[in-house]
C-alpha atoms as a PDB file:
ATOM      1  CA  UNK A   1      11.537  19.855 -14.557  1.00  0.00           C
ATOM      2  CA  UNK A   2      10.069  17.442 -11.933  1.00  0.00           C
ATOM      3  CA  UNK A   3      11.154  14.156 -11.247  1.00  0.00           C
ATOM      4  CA  UNK A   4       9.428  11.202 -12.868  1.00  0.00           C
ATOM      5  CA  UNK A   5      10.179   7.646 -11.588  1.00  0.00           C
ATOM      6  CA  UNK A   6      10.257   5.457 -14.303  1.00  0.00           C
ATOM      7  CA  UNK A   7       9.792   2.689 -12.566  1.00  0.00           C
ATOM      8  CA  UNK A   8       6.003   3.544 -12.049  1.00  0.00           C
ATOM      9  CA  UNK A   9       5.035   3.919 -15.376  1.00  0.00           C
ATOM     10  CA  UNK A  10       3.861   0.508 -15.671  1.00  0.00           C
ATOM     11  CA  UNK A  11       1.317   1.325 -12.767  1.00  0.00           C
ATOM     12  CA  UNK A  12       0.169   3.932 -14.150  1.00  0.00           C
ATOM     13  CA  UNK A  13      -0.034   3.365 -17.777  1.00  0.00           C
ATOM     14  CA  UNK A  14      -0.764  -0.961 -17.175  1.00  0.00           C
ATOM     15  CA  UNK A  15      -0.084  -2.158 -20.649  1.00  0.00           C
ATOM     16  CA  UNK A  16      -0.600  -6.171 -20.840  1.00  0.00           C
ATOM     17  CA  UNK A  17       2.245  -8.792 -21.229  1.00  0.00           C
ATOM     18  CA  UNK A  18       2.362 -12.922 -21.868  1.00  0.00           C
ATOM     19  CA  UNK A  19       3.511 -15.505 -19.672  1.00  0.00           C
ATOM     20  CA  UNK A  20       3.552 -19.301 -19.470  1.00  0.00           C
ATOM     21  CA  UNK A  21       0.698 -20.856 -17.461  1.00  0.00           C
ATOM     22  CA  UNK A  22       2.835 -23.552 -15.261  1.00  0.00           C
ATOM     23  CA  UNK A  23      -0.041 -25.972 -15.417  1.00  0.00           C
ATOM     24  CA  UNK A  24      -1.025 -26.419 -19.193  1.00  0.00           C
ATOM     25  CA  UNK A  25       1.892 -24.101 -21.020  1.00  0.00           C
ATOM     26  CA  UNK A  26      -1.043 -21.587 -22.605  1.00  0.00           C
ATOM     27  CA  UNK A  27       0.277 -18.458 -22.759  1.00  0.00           C
ATOM     28  CA  UNK A  28      -1.636 -15.850 -20.212  1.00  0.00           C
ATOM     29  CA  UNK A  29      -2.306 -12.277 -20.776  1.00  0.00           C
ATOM     30  CA  UNK A  30      -1.044 -10.747 -17.512  1.00  0.00           C
ATOM     31  CA  UNK A  31      -1.184  -6.747 -16.870  1.00  0.00           C
ATOM     32  CA  UNK A  32       1.865  -4.926 -15.498  1.00  0.00           C
ATOM     33  CA  UNK A  33      -0.099  -3.727 -12.661  1.00  0.00           C
ATOM     34  CA  UNK A  34      -1.528  -7.300 -11.740  1.00  0.00           C
ATOM     35  CA  UNK A  35       0.259 -10.041  -9.683  1.00  0.00           C
ATOM     36  CA  UNK A  36      -1.645 -12.605 -10.615  1.00  0.00           C
ATOM     37  CA  UNK A  37      -4.284 -13.773 -13.134  1.00  0.00           C
ATOM     38  CA  UNK A  38      -6.825 -16.745 -14.379  1.00  0.00           C
ATOM     39  CA  UNK A  39      -5.175 -19.172 -17.000  1.00  0.00           C
ATOM     40  CA  UNK A  40      -8.527 -18.844 -19.716  1.00  0.00           C
ATOM     41  CA  UNK A  41      -7.573 -22.182 -20.840  1.00  0.00           C
ATOM     42  CA  UNK A  42      -7.095 -24.393 -17.434  1.00  0.00           C
ATOM     43  CA  UNK A  43      -8.725 -22.245 -15.251  1.00  0.00           C
ATOM     44  CA  UNK A  44      -5.073 -22.338 -12.855  1.00  0.00           C
ATOM     45  CA  UNK A  45      -4.110 -19.192 -10.970  1.00  0.00           C
ATOM     46  CA  UNK A  46      -0.703 -17.785 -12.737  1.00  0.00           C
ATOM     47  CA  UNK A  47       1.564 -15.492 -10.802  1.00  0.00           C
ATOM     48  CA  UNK A  48       3.725 -12.997 -12.043  1.00  0.00           C
ATOM     49  CA  UNK A  49       7.085 -14.676 -10.823  1.00  0.00           C
ATOM     50  CA  UNK A  50       9.396 -11.593 -10.421  1.00  0.00           C
ATOM     51  CA  UNK A  51      11.602 -10.250  -7.716  1.00  0.00           C
ATOM     52  CA  UNK A  52      10.672  -6.855  -5.364  1.00  0.00           C
ATOM     53  CA  UNK A  53       9.935  -3.920  -7.224  1.00  0.00           C
ATOM     54  CA  UNK A  54       9.771  -0.785  -6.429  1.00  0.00           C
ATOM     55  CA  UNK A  55       6.328  -0.705  -4.650  1.00  0.00           C
ATOM     56  CA  UNK A  56       7.798  -3.255  -2.308  1.00  0.00           C
ATOM     57  CA  UNK A  57      10.349  -1.157  -0.847  1.00  0.00           C
ATOM     58  CA  UNK A  58       9.540   2.706  -2.152  1.00  0.00           C
ATOM     59  CA  UNK A  59       8.668   5.110   0.504  1.00  0.00           C
ATOM     60  CA  UNK A  60       6.884   7.083  -2.267  1.00  0.00           C
ATOM     61  CA  UNK A  61       5.691   4.140  -3.632  1.00  0.00           C
ATOM     62  CA  UNK A  62       1.986   5.247  -2.574  1.00  0.00           C
ATOM     63  CA  UNK A  63       1.965   8.794  -3.860  1.00  0.00           C
ATOM     64  CA  UNK A  64       3.959   7.631  -6.632  1.00  0.00           C
ATOM     65  CA  UNK A  65       1.451   5.206  -8.168  1.00  0.00           C
ATOM     66  CA  UNK A  66      -1.679   6.644  -6.339  1.00  0.00           C
ATOM     67  CA  UNK A  67      -3.924   5.209  -3.155  1.00  0.00           C
ATOM     68  CA  UNK A  68      -6.043   2.466  -5.466  1.00  0.00           C
ATOM     69  CA  UNK A  69      -3.353   1.157  -7.265  1.00  0.00           C
ATOM     70  CA  UNK A  70      -0.737   0.630  -4.392  1.00  0.00           C
ATOM     71  CA  UNK A  71      -3.689  -1.053  -1.967  1.00  0.00           C
ATOM     72  CA  UNK A  72      -5.202  -3.330  -4.781  1.00  0.00           C
ATOM     73  CA  UNK A  73      -1.284  -4.093  -5.732  1.00  0.00           C
ATOM     74  CA  UNK A  74      -0.697  -5.077  -1.653  1.00  0.00           C
ATOM     75  CA  UNK A  75      -4.113  -6.888  -1.640  1.00  0.00           C
ATOM     76  CA  UNK A  76      -3.646  -8.879  -4.713  1.00  0.00           C
ATOM     77  CA  UNK A  77       0.287  -9.849  -3.569  1.00  0.00           C
ATOM     78  CA  UNK A  78      -1.241 -10.672   0.241  1.00  0.00           C
ATOM     79  CA  UNK A  79      -3.644 -13.056  -1.816  1.00  0.00           C
ATOM     80  CA  UNK A  80      -0.364 -14.249  -3.948  1.00  0.00           C
ATOM     81  CA  UNK A  81       1.436 -14.982  -0.135  1.00  0.00           C
ATOM     82  CA  UNK A  82      -1.380 -16.531   1.675  1.00  0.00           C
ATOM     83  CA  UNK A  83      -1.738 -19.524  -0.871  1.00  0.00           C
ATOM     84  CA  UNK A  84       2.404 -19.984  -0.077  1.00  0.00           C
ATOM     85  CA  UNK A  85       2.032 -19.420   3.674  1.00  0.00           C
ATOM     86  CA  UNK A  86      -0.743 -21.805   3.481  1.00  0.00           C
ATOM     87  CA  UNK A  87       1.710 -24.453   1.907  1.00  0.00           C
ATOM     88  CA  UNK A  88       4.296 -23.775   4.303  1.00  0.00           C
ATOM     89  CA  UNK A  89       1.607 -23.923   7.321  1.00  0.00           C
ATOM     90  CA  UNK A  90       0.683 -27.439   6.289  1.00  0.00           C
ATOM     91  CA  UNK A  91       4.367 -28.427   5.406  1.00  0.00           C
ATOM     92  CA  UNK A  92       4.749 -26.978   9.108  1.00  0.00           C
ATOM     93  CA  UNK A  93       2.433 -29.033  11.028  1.00  0.00           C
ATOM     94  CA  UNK A  94       1.942 -32.190   8.839  1.00  0.00           C
ATOM     95  CA  UNK A  95      -0.598 -34.116   9.633  1.00  0.00           C
ATOM     96  CA  UNK A  96      -1.456 -32.199  13.068  1.00  0.00           C
ATOM     97  CA  UNK A  97      -4.933 -30.864  11.181  1.00  0.00           C
ATOM     98  CA  UNK A  98      -6.525 -29.619  13.735  1.00  0.00           C
ATOM     99  CA  UNK A  99      -3.791 -26.491  14.288  1.00  0.00           C
ATOM    100  CA  UNK A 100      -3.801 -26.046  10.138  1.00  0.00           C
ATOM    101  CA  UNK A 101      -8.184 -25.981  10.098  1.00  0.00           C
ATOM    102  CA  UNK A 102      -7.571 -23.554  13.437  1.00  0.00           C
ATOM    103  CA  UNK A 103      -5.379 -20.819  11.226  1.00  0.00           C
ATOM    104  CA  UNK A 104      -7.672 -21.074   8.101  1.00  0.00           C
ATOM    105  CA  UNK A 105     -11.043 -20.285   9.919  1.00  0.00           C
ATOM    106  CA  UNK A 106      -8.818 -17.478  11.939  1.00  0.00           C
ATOM    107  CA  UNK A 107      -8.036 -16.431   8.336  1.00  0.00           C
ATOM    108  CA  UNK A 108     -11.490 -16.419   6.540  1.00  0.00           C
ATOM    109  CA  UNK A 109     -12.674 -14.435   9.463  1.00  0.00           C
ATOM    110  CA  UNK A 110      -9.548 -11.791   9.039  1.00  0.00           C
ATOM    111  CA  UNK A 111     -10.663 -12.067   5.665  1.00  0.00           C
ATOM    112  CA  UNK A 112     -14.399 -11.055   6.445  1.00  0.00           C
ATOM    113  CA  UNK A 113     -13.363  -8.243   9.027  1.00  0.00           C
ATOM    114  CA  UNK A 114     -10.968  -7.152   6.475  1.00  0.00           C
ATOM    115  CA  UNK A 115     -13.814  -6.130   4.334  1.00  0.00           C
ATOM    116  CA  UNK A 116     -15.202  -3.254   6.508  1.00  0.00           C
ATOM    117  CA  UNK A 117     -12.393  -2.097   8.796  1.00  0.00           C
ATOM    118  CA  UNK A 118      -9.391  -0.237   7.584  1.00  0.00           C
ATOM    119  CA  UNK A 119      -6.659  -3.346   8.351  1.00  0.00           C
ATOM    120  CA  UNK A 120      -3.471  -3.821   6.308  1.00  0.00           C
ATOM    121  CA  UNK A 121      -4.339  -7.000   4.252  1.00  0.00           C
ATOM    122  CA  UNK A 122      -0.456  -8.140   3.866  1.00  0.00           C
ATOM    123  CA  UNK A 123       0.165  -7.890   7.404  1.00  0.00           C
ATOM    124  CA  UNK A 124      -3.165  -9.712   8.786  1.00  0.00           C
ATOM    125  CA  UNK A 125      -3.840 -12.157   6.427  1.00  0.00           C
ATOM    126  CA  UNK A 126      -0.300 -13.655   7.588  1.00  0.00           C
ATOM    127  CA  UNK A 127      -0.695 -13.016  10.717  1.00  0.00           C
ATOM    128  CA  UNK A 128      -3.324 -14.972  10.764  1.00  0.00           C
ATOM    129  CA  UNK A 129      -2.094 -18.084   9.234  1.00  0.00           C
ATOM    130  CA  UNK A 130       0.718 -17.977  11.636  1.00  0.00           C
ATOM    131  CA  UNK A 131      -0.649 -16.707  14.278  1.00  0.00           C
ATOM    132  CA  UNK A 132      -0.035 -20.378  16.782  1.00  0.00           C
ATOM    133  CA  UNK A 133       3.104 -21.683  15.080  1.00  0.00           C
ATOM    134  CA  UNK A 134       4.297 -21.098  18.339  1.00  0.00           C
ATOM    135  CA  UNK A 135       2.326 -24.164  19.866  1.00  0.00           C
ATOM    136  CA  UNK A 136       3.703 -26.793  17.969  1.00  0.00           C
ATOM    137  CA  UNK A 137       7.402 -25.980  19.978  1.00  0.00           C
ATOM    138  CA  UNK A 138       5.751 -25.067  23.291  1.00  0.00           C
ATOM    139  CA  UNK A 139       4.106 -28.469  23.667  1.00  0.00           C
ATOM    140  CA  UNK A 140       7.583 -30.474  22.606  1.00  0.00           C
ATOM    141  CA  UNK A 141       9.900 -27.576  25.377  1.00  0.00           C
ATOM    142  CA  UNK A 142       6.874 -26.638  28.064  1.00  0.00           C
ATOM    143  CA  UNK A 143       4.485 -29.724  27.750  1.00  0.00           C
ATOM    144  CA  UNK A 144       2.273 -27.076  27.490  1.00  0.00           C
ATOM    145  CA  UNK A 145       0.357 -24.910  24.389  1.00  0.00           C
ATOM    146  CA  UNK A 146      -0.383 -21.694  26.832  1.00  0.00           C
ATOM    147  CA  UNK A 147      -0.884 -18.901  25.239  1.00  0.00           C
ATOM    148  CA  UNK A 148       2.442 -17.097  27.093  1.00  0.00           C
ATOM    149  CA  UNK A 149       4.337 -20.029  25.812  1.00  0.00           C
ATOM    150  CA  UNK A 150       2.999 -19.591  22.199  1.00  0.00           C
ATOM    151  CA  UNK A 151       3.396 -15.501  22.342  1.00  0.00           C
ATOM    152  CA  UNK A 152       6.956 -16.360  22.826  1.00  0.00           C
ATOM    153  CA  UNK A 153       7.961 -19.181  20.624  1.00  0.00           C
ATOM    154  CA  UNK A 154       5.906 -17.987  17.559  1.00  0.00           C
ATOM    155  CA  UNK A 155       7.705 -14.969  16.608  1.00  0.00           C
ATOM    156  CA  UNK A 156      10.948 -17.015  15.704  1.00  0.00           C
ATOM    157  CA  UNK A 157       8.959 -19.876  13.732  1.00  0.00           C
ATOM    158  CA  UNK A 158       7.098 -16.820  11.775  1.00  0.00           C
ATOM    159  CA  UNK A 159       9.716 -15.015  11.028  1.00  0.00           C
ATOM    160  CA  UNK A 160      11.664 -17.422   9.552  1.00  0.00           C
ATOM    161  CA  UNK A 161       8.724 -18.704   7.099  1.00  0.00           C
ATOM    162  CA  UNK A 162       8.068 -14.936   5.975  1.00  0.00           C
ATOM    163  CA  UNK A 163      12.058 -14.175   5.455  1.00  0.00           C
ATOM    164  CA  UNK A 164      12.162 -17.173   3.279  1.00  0.00           C
ATOM    165  CA  UNK A 165       8.953 -16.054   1.533  1.00  0.00           C
ATOM    166  CA  UNK A 166      11.019 -12.753   0.886  1.00  0.00           C
ATOM    167  CA  UNK A 167       8.624 -10.565   2.983  1.00  0.00           C
ATOM    168  CA  UNK A 168       9.540  -7.201   3.442  1.00  0.00           C
ATOM    169  CA  UNK A 169      11.327  -6.740   6.876  1.00  0.00           C
ATOM    170  CA  UNK A 170       9.023  -3.580   8.128  1.00  0.00           C
ATOM    171  CA  UNK A 171       6.033  -6.122   7.409  1.00  0.00           C
ATOM    172  CA  UNK A 172       7.632  -9.251   9.060  1.00  0.00           C
ATOM    173  CA  UNK A 173       8.126  -7.091  12.222  1.00  0.00           C
ATOM    174  CA  UNK A 174       4.617  -6.148  12.395  1.00  0.00           C
ATOM    175  CA  UNK A 175       3.368  -9.494  11.800  1.00  0.00           C
ATOM    176  CA  UNK A 176       5.496 -11.153  14.308  1.00  0.00           C
ATOM    177  CA  UNK A 177       5.060  -8.328  17.123  1.00  0.00           C
ATOM    178  CA  UNK A 178       1.213  -9.017  16.265  1.00  0.00           C
ATOM    179  CA  UNK A 179       2.105 -13.126  16.776  1.00  0.00           C
ATOM    180  CA  UNK A 180       3.869 -12.120  20.097  1.00  0.00           C
ATOM    181  CA  UNK A 181       0.857 -10.635  21.795  1.00  0.00           C
ATOM    182  CA  UNK A 182      -1.810 -12.313  20.202  1.00  0.00           C
ATOM    183  CA  UNK A 183      -3.061 -13.433  23.602  1.00  0.00           C
ATOM    184  CA  UNK A 184      -2.432 -10.031  25.184  1.00  0.00           C
ATOM    185  CA  UNK A 185      -4.911  -7.351  24.185  1.00  0.00           C
ATOM    186  CA  UNK A 186      -3.938  -3.901  25.261  1.00  0.00           C
ATOM    187  CA  UNK A 187      -0.062  -4.720  24.447  1.00  0.00           C
ATOM    188  CA  UNK A 188      -0.197  -3.670  20.903  1.00  0.00           C
ATOM    189  CA  UNK A 189      -3.097  -1.588  19.943  1.00  0.00           C
ATOM    190  CA  UNK A 190      -3.061  -1.053  16.043  1.00  0.00           C
ATOM    191  CA  UNK A 191      -5.760  -2.101  13.600  1.00  0.00           C
ATOM    192  CA  UNK A 192      -4.231  -4.619  11.997  1.00  0.00           C
ATOM    193  CA  UNK A 193      -3.687  -6.245  15.718  1.00  0.00           C
ATOM    194  CA  UNK A 194      -7.133  -5.603  16.596  1.00  0.00           C
ATOM    195  CA  UNK A 195      -8.695  -7.520  13.477  1.00  0.00           C
ATOM    196  CA  UNK A 196      -6.249 -10.900  14.277  1.00  0.00           C
ATOM    197  CA  UNK A 197      -7.165 -11.097  17.692  1.00  0.00           C
ATOM    198  CA  UNK A 198     -11.060 -10.646  17.012  1.00  0.00           C
ATOM    199  CA  UNK A 199     -10.441 -13.279  14.138  1.00  0.00           C
ATOM    200  CA  UNK A 200      -9.011 -15.704  16.552  1.00  0.00           C
ATOM    201  CA  UNK A 201     -11.878 -15.129  19.037  1.00  0.00           C
ATOM    202  CA  UNK A 202     -14.269 -15.652  16.601  1.00  0.00           C
ATOM    203  CA  UNK A 203     -13.633 -19.129  16.284  1.00  0.00           C
ATOM    204  CA  UNK A 204     -12.097 -19.462  19.568  1.00  0.00           C
ATOM    205  CA  UNK A 205     -15.597 -18.797  21.751  1.00  0.00           C
ATOM    206  CA  UNK A 206     -17.442 -21.441  20.925  1.00  0.00           C
ATOM    207  CA  UNK A 207     -14.861 -23.408  23.596  1.00  0.00           C
ATOM    208  CA  UNK A 208     -15.199 -20.737  26.247  1.00  0.00           C
ATOM    209  CA  UNK A 209     -19.465 -20.737  26.365  1.00  0.00           C
ATOM    210  CA  UNK A 210     -22.205 -22.996  27.055  1.00  0.00           C
ATOM    211  CA  UNK A 211     -25.054 -22.994  24.316  1.00  0.00           C
ATOM    212  CA  UNK A 212     -28.075 -21.340  25.320  1.00  0.00           C
ATOM    213  CA  UNK A 213     -26.480 -19.251  27.784  1.00  0.00           C
ATOM    214  CA  UNK A 214     -27.411 -15.639  25.362  1.00  0.00           C
ATOM    215  CA  UNK A 215     -26.770 -13.313  28.338  1.00  0.00           C
ATOM    216  CA  UNK A 216     -23.409 -14.740  29.286  1.00  0.00           C
ATOM    217  CA  UNK A 217     -22.371 -14.821  25.625  1.00  0.00           C
ATOM    218  CA  UNK A 218     -23.187 -11.415  25.139  1.00  0.00           C
ATOM    219  CA  UNK A 219     -21.655  -9.977  28.196  1.00  0.00           C
ATOM    220  CA  UNK A 220     -18.312 -11.993  26.993  1.00  0.00           C
ATOM    221  CA  UNK A 221     -18.316 -10.188  23.459  1.00  0.00           C
ATOM    222  CA  UNK A 222     -19.211  -6.663  24.268  1.00  0.00           C
ATOM    223  CA  UNK A 223     -15.692  -7.339  26.831  1.00  0.00           C
ATOM    224  CA  UNK A 224     -13.864  -9.233  24.372  1.00  0.00           C
ATOM    225  CA  UNK A 225     -14.019  -8.025  20.813  1.00  0.00           C
ATOM    226  CA  UNK A 226     -12.156  -4.933  19.570  1.00  0.00           C
ATOM    227  CA  UNK A 227     -13.488  -3.771  16.087  1.00  0.00           C
ATOM    228  CA  UNK A 228     -17.346  -3.041  15.211  1.00  0.00           C
ATOM    229  CA  UNK A 229     -16.765  -5.653  12.602  1.00  0.00           C
ATOM    230  CA  UNK A 230     -15.619  -8.221  15.232  1.00  0.00           C
ATOM    231  CA  UNK A 231     -18.342  -7.820  17.445  1.00  0.00           C
ATOM    232  CA  UNK A 232     -21.311  -7.850  14.406  1.00  0.00           C
ATOM    233  CA  UNK A 233     -20.040 -11.094  13.659  1.00  0.00           C
ATOM    234  CA  UNK A 234     -19.822 -13.109  16.820  1.00  0.00           C
ATOM    235  CA  UNK A 235     -23.658 -12.022  17.335  1.00  0.00           C
ATOM    236  CA  UNK A 236     -24.274 -13.145  14.193  1.00  0.00           C
ATOM    237  CA  UNK A 237     -22.748 -16.433  14.798  1.00  0.00           C
ATOM    238  CA  UNK A 238     -23.469 -17.397  18.271  1.00  0.00           C
ATOM    239  CA  UNK A 239     -26.749 -15.034  19.291  1.00  0.00           C
ATOM    240  CA  UNK A 240     -28.232 -15.185  15.194  1.00  0.00           C
ATOM    241  CA  UNK A 241     -28.478 -11.461  15.293  1.00  0.00           C
END
């Protein structure tokens, strides 16, 4: 008789459960394959409060529950993680709204690129939020926010934040690798890196070009961007194409 993982049953055949909304204490229905839902009473987001489950660590998780359910689980979890990471980012940078707003813009573009490029939400979104955390220490230690200083200092800081949120070790390693090279294309050649790199340039390109010089902008876009979606978005934003 073939082995059937008992832990997968709640994902293969989801059932409704009820938890209290932390905002209004309303009993909220949430299905066993969901990470979060919306309170029908106060419209607050309600997140399942539970520890790591088999879908977070089992190497057979995707095969066990199917590609669609596994991908949806990771995407929903990434959305929940995003909110926690944004809180951590704001706490870390404090009144430095310039850095906070930049990260949010990069994250927004990363989400847009992820809709068509086959990247991993649970890697790209944290990387987009934390990619510049090395700036603060770089300015304190070296008096500079140069890219190579960011790459040197950022991974350790990001790793601490991610570990505090109990992100899977393998994901932390990939996220930190992206952060360690986010100004150095070619050293990491993954799809996740390319998405983050393009999202960052979608924000930064405005500081590198003169408005009205469309030929130069087009040449830069064709040279810089690593994904088809990133190039298309850049031409739409900067050339109105």
